[in-house]
Amino acid sequence: MAYEDHLKWLLIEANTVEKYRQEGEQKGRQEGREEGRQEGIRIGEEKGKLEGKMEIAKDMLKDGFQLDKVILFTGLYKSDIQSII
């Protein structure tokens, strides 16, 4: 009887451990997805800002601004601006 009780207890413990392992795994996946979303948003915002600056630089150059002024006002590198010329 004691042996059977011990086996039942072991099965309950094993099930409990498995349950919490699965819950932890699910929580980890959810956190990973959220971190991925946040990273994607951050990258998208940075890309959008750069594209906006490049568009401004292009317009400034069309309007006759000197390269050094475009660099100063947009904060872009000379090599970035030269790639759109």
C-alpha atoms as a PDB file:
ATOM      1  CA  MET A   1       0.000   0.000   0.000  1.00  0.00           C
ATOM      2  CA  ALA A   2       2.784   2.461   0.867  1.00  0.00           C
ATOM      3  CA  TYR A   3       4.484   1.658  -2.439  1.00  0.00           C
ATOM      4  CA  GLU A   4       1.296   2.373  -4.402  1.00  0.00           C
ATOM      5  CA  ASP A   5       0.744   5.602  -2.484  1.00  0.00           C
ATOM      6  CA  HIS A   6       4.294   6.633  -3.260  1.00  0.00           C
ATOM      7  CA  LEU A   7       3.768   5.874  -6.974  1.00  0.00           C
ATOM      8  CA  LYS A   8       0.575   7.956  -6.982  1.00  0.00           C
ATOM      9  CA  TRP A   9       2.443  10.806  -5.334  1.00  0.00           C
ATOM     10  CA  LEU A  10       5.233  10.552  -7.928  1.00  0.00           C
ATOM     11  CA  LEU A  11       2.700  10.659 -10.771  1.00  0.00           C
ATOM     12  CA  ILE A  12       1.034  13.714  -9.269  1.00  0.00           C
ATOM     13  CA  GLU A  13       4.413  15.415  -8.890  1.00  0.00           C
ATOM     14  CA  ALA A  14       5.404  14.543 -12.460  1.00  0.00           C
ATOM     15  CA  ASN A  15       2.113  15.929 -13.777  1.00  0.00           C
ATOM     16  CA  THR A  16       2.533  19.085 -11.723  1.00  0.00           C
ATOM     17  CA  VAL A  17       6.069  19.626 -13.000  1.00  0.00           C
ATOM     18  CA  GLU A  18       4.935  19.068 -16.600  1.00  0.00           C
ATOM     19  CA  LYS A  19       2.013  21.463 -16.162  1.00  0.00           C
ATOM     20  CA  TYR A  20       4.270  24.255 -14.884  1.00  0.00           C
ATOM     21  CA  ARG A  21       6.864  23.533 -17.565  1.00  0.00           C
ATOM     22  CA  GLN A  22       4.219  23.943 -20.264  1.00  0.00           C
ATOM     23  CA  GLU A  23       2.890  27.130 -18.662  1.00  0.00           C
ATOM     24  CA  GLY A  24       6.416  28.525 -18.481  1.00  0.00           C
ATOM     25  CA  GLU A  25       7.062  27.622 -22.094  1.00  0.00           C
ATOM     26  CA  GLN A  26       3.841  29.317 -23.194  1.00  0.00           C
ATOM     27  CA  LYS A  27       4.641  32.423 -21.166  1.00  0.00           C
ATOM     28  CA  GLY A  28       8.128  32.516 -22.673  1.00  0.00           C
ATOM     29  CA  ARG A  29       6.697  32.356 -26.183  1.00  0.00           C
ATOM     30  CA  GLN A  30       4.273  35.186 -25.434  1.00  0.00           C
ATOM     31  CA  GLU A  31       7.061  37.335 -24.020  1.00  0.00           C
ATOM     32  CA  GLY A  32       9.228  36.535 -27.032  1.00  0.00           C
ATOM     33  CA  ARG A  33       6.471  37.558 -29.434  1.00  0.00           C
ATOM     34  CA  GLU A  34       5.958  40.832 -27.580  1.00  0.00           C
ATOM     35  CA  GLU A  35       9.684  41.576 -27.615  1.00  0.00           C
ATOM     36  CA  GLY A  36       9.733  40.791 -31.330  1.00  0.00           C
ATOM     37  CA  ARG A  37       6.841  43.163 -31.970  1.00  0.00           C
ATOM     38  CA  GLN A  38       8.526  45.929 -30.014  1.00  0.00           C
ATOM     39  CA  GLU A  39      11.781  45.404 -31.902  1.00  0.00           C
ATOM     40  CA  GLY A  40       9.914  45.455 -35.213  1.00  0.00           C
ATOM     41  CA  ILE A  41       8.202  48.707 -34.292  1.00  0.00           C
ATOM     42  CA  ARG A  42      11.522  50.258 -33.274  1.00  0.00           C
ATOM     43  CA  ILE A  43      13.211  49.209 -36.516  1.00  0.00           C
ATOM     44  CA  GLY A  44      10.263  50.491 -38.550  1.00  0.00           C
ATOM     45  CA  GLU A  45      10.354  53.852 -36.815  1.00  0.00           C
ATOM     46  CA  GLU A  46      14.091  54.199 -37.406  1.00  0.00           C
ATOM     47  CA  LYS A  47      13.700  53.255 -41.055  1.00  0.00           C
ATOM     48  CA  GLY A  48      10.855  55.748 -41.455  1.00  0.00           C
ATOM     49  CA  LYS A  49      12.896  58.552 -39.915  1.00  0.00           C
ATOM     50  CA  LEU A  50      15.824  57.807 -42.217  1.00  0.00           C
ATOM     51  CA  GLU A  51      13.568  57.705 -45.278  1.00  0.00           C
ATOM     52  CA  GLY A  52      12.047  61.029 -44.232  1.00  0.00           C
ATOM     53  CA  LYS A  53      15.459  62.623 -43.835  1.00  0.00           C
ATOM     54  CA  MET A  54      16.538  61.270 -47.212  1.00  0.00           C
ATOM     55  CA  GLU A  55      13.435  62.761 -48.842  1.00  0.00           C
ATOM     56  CA  ILE A  56      14.121  66.129 -47.209  1.00  0.00           C
ATOM     57  CA  ALA A  57      17.738  65.981 -48.372  1.00  0.00           C
ATOM     58  CA  LYS A  58      16.621  65.206 -51.914  1.00  0.00           C
ATOM     59  CA  ASP A  59      14.225  68.174 -51.895  1.00  0.00           C
ATOM     60  CA  MET A  60      16.867  70.477 -50.434  1.00  0.00           C
ATOM     61  CA  LEU A  61      19.333  69.499 -53.140  1.00  0.00           C
ATOM     62  CA  LYS A  62      16.683  70.086 -55.820  1.00  0.00           C
ATOM     63  CA  ASP A  63      16.120  73.560 -54.354  1.00  0.00           C
ATOM     64  CA  GLY A  64      19.827  74.339 -54.643  1.00  0.00           C
ATOM     65  CA  PHE A  65      21.003  73.929 -51.066  1.00  0.00           C
ATOM     66  CA  GLN A  66      24.696  73.239 -50.711  1.00  0.00           C
ATOM     67  CA  LEU A  67      25.725  69.774 -49.579  1.00  0.00           C
ATOM     68  CA  ASP A  68      27.181  71.009 -46.284  1.00  0.00           C
ATOM     69  CA  LYS A  69      23.858  72.690 -45.393  1.00  0.00           C
ATOM     70  CA  VAL A  70      21.913  69.544 -46.247  1.00  0.00           C
ATOM     71  CA  ILE A  71      24.233  67.549 -43.983  1.00  0.00           C
ATOM     72  CA  LEU A  72      23.836  70.103 -41.195  1.00  0.00           C
ATOM     73  CA  PHE A  73      20.037  70.281 -41.366  1.00  0.00           C
ATOM     74  CA  THR A  74      19.295  66.584 -41.854  1.00  0.00           C
ATOM     75  CA  GLY A  75      22.031  65.028 -39.736  1.00  0.00           C
ATOM     76  CA  LEU A  76      22.772  62.584 -42.541  1.00  0.00           C
ATOM     77  CA  TYR A  77      26.246  61.504 -43.573  1.00  0.00           C
ATOM     78  CA  LYS A  78      27.781  62.798 -46.764  1.00  0.00           C
ATOM     79  CA  SER A  79      27.875  59.264 -48.179  1.00  0.00           C
ATOM     80  CA  ASP A  80      24.127  58.853 -47.536  1.00  0.00           C
ATOM     81  CA  ILE A  81      23.320  62.067 -49.346  1.00  0.00           C
ATOM     82  CA  GLN A  82      25.640  61.302 -52.236  1.00  0.00           C
ATOM     83  CA  SER A  83      23.789  58.032 -52.782  1.00  0.00           C
ATOM     84  CA  ILE A  84      20.659  59.994 -53.780  1.00  0.00           C
ATOM     85  CA  ILE A  85      22.405  62.500 -56.045  1.00  0.00           C
END
